[in-house]
Amino acid sequence: MLRYFIAGNVWLFAALVIVLGREVVRTEPVRYAFYGIGGWFTAGGYAAIVVCCIVLGLGFLLAAARRSGRDA
C-alpha cells in the first residue's frame, strides 16, 4: 500500500537526518545534541533513537511489500 511505503521512507529519512544532525556538545562524558539544540543524549541514547527510526522504517516498508504482494 502506498501509505506504508511513504511512511517507511519518511522514517528512514528521519533516521538519516538525525544521524547527520548529531553534534558533540560535551566531551567528558560524551553527550550529543541534534544540530546543537534541544536536550543532550548519551551515545547509547542517540543510537537508540536512530535504531528505532530505522526499525520503524523497515517495518513499514516490509508491510508495504507484503501488502502489494496480496493485491497483485
Protein backbone atom coordinates (compact mmCIF):
# COMPACT_ATOMS: atom_id res chain seq x y z
CA MET A 1 0.00 0.00 0.00
CA LEU A 2 1.26 3.44 -0.85
CA ARG A 3 0.80 4.93 2.62
CA TYR A 4 3.04 2.24 4.17
CA PHE A 5 5.69 2.87 1.54
CA ILE A 6 5.58 6.62 2.19
CA ALA A 7 5.64 6.15 5.97
CA GLY A 8 8.63 3.81 5.69
CA ASN A 9 10.56 6.29 3.59
CA VAL A 10 9.72 9.13 5.99
CA TRP A 11 11.06 7.14 8.97
CA LEU A 12 14.24 6.22 7.10
CA PHE A 13 14.71 9.84 6.05
CA ALA A 14 14.22 10.91 9.68
CA ALA A 15 16.94 8.45 10.73
CA LEU A 16 19.28 9.93 8.12
CA VAL A 17 18.58 13.50 9.27
CA ILE A 18 19.14 12.51 12.91
CA VAL A 19 22.45 10.83 12.06
CA LEU A 20 23.65 13.82 10.03
CA GLY A 21 22.46 16.25 12.71
CA ARG A 22 24.48 14.69 15.52
CA GLU A 23 26.74 17.22 17.17
CA VAL A 24 29.06 16.67 20.12
CA VAL A 25 28.21 19.21 22.80
CA ARG A 26 30.25 17.73 25.64
CA THR A 27 33.33 15.52 25.59
CA GLU A 28 33.61 14.13 29.13
CA PRO A 29 31.24 12.32 29.40
CA VAL A 30 30.32 12.36 25.71
CA ARG A 31 26.94 13.96 25.03
CA TYR A 32 25.28 14.57 21.69
CA ALA A 33 22.63 17.04 20.59
CA PHE A 34 20.52 17.30 17.46
CA TYR A 35 22.11 20.16 15.49
CA GLY A 36 23.23 21.64 18.83
CA ILE A 37 19.67 22.31 20.05
CA GLY A 38 17.41 20.55 22.50
CA GLY A 39 18.45 18.10 25.16
CA TRP A 40 21.68 16.19 25.47
CA PHE A 41 21.81 12.48 24.76
CA THR A 42 24.34 9.81 25.65
CA ALA A 43 25.89 7.84 22.80
CA GLY A 44 23.63 4.88 23.57
CA GLY A 45 20.52 7.02 23.79
CA TYR A 46 21.24 8.74 20.49
CA ALA A 47 21.92 5.39 18.82
CA ALA A 48 18.67 4.01 20.25
CA ILE A 49 16.70 6.86 18.66
CA VAL A 50 18.34 6.18 15.29
CA VAL A 51 17.76 2.43 15.56
CA CYS A 52 14.09 2.98 16.44
CA CYS A 53 13.63 5.15 13.35
CA ILE A 54 15.32 2.53 11.16
CA VAL A 55 13.27 -0.33 12.61
CA LEU A 56 10.03 1.61 12.11
CA GLY A 57 11.02 2.48 8.55
CA LEU A 58 11.91 -1.08 7.65
CA GLY A 59 8.75 -2.36 9.31
CA PHE A 60 6.58 -0.06 7.22
CA LEU A 61 8.45 -0.99 4.04
CA LEU A 62 8.04 -4.69 4.84
CA ALA A 63 4.32 -4.12 5.43
CA ALA A 64 4.10 -2.33 2.10
CA ALA A 65 5.86 -5.19 0.32
CA ARG A 66 3.62 -7.82 1.88
CA ARG A 67 0.53 -5.77 1.16
CA SER A 68 1.45 -5.25 -2.51
CA GLY A 69 2.00 -9.00 -2.89
CA ARG A 70 -1.57 -9.66 -1.79
CA ASP A 71 -3.07 -7.03 -4.10
CA ALA A 72 -1.42 -8.46 -7.22
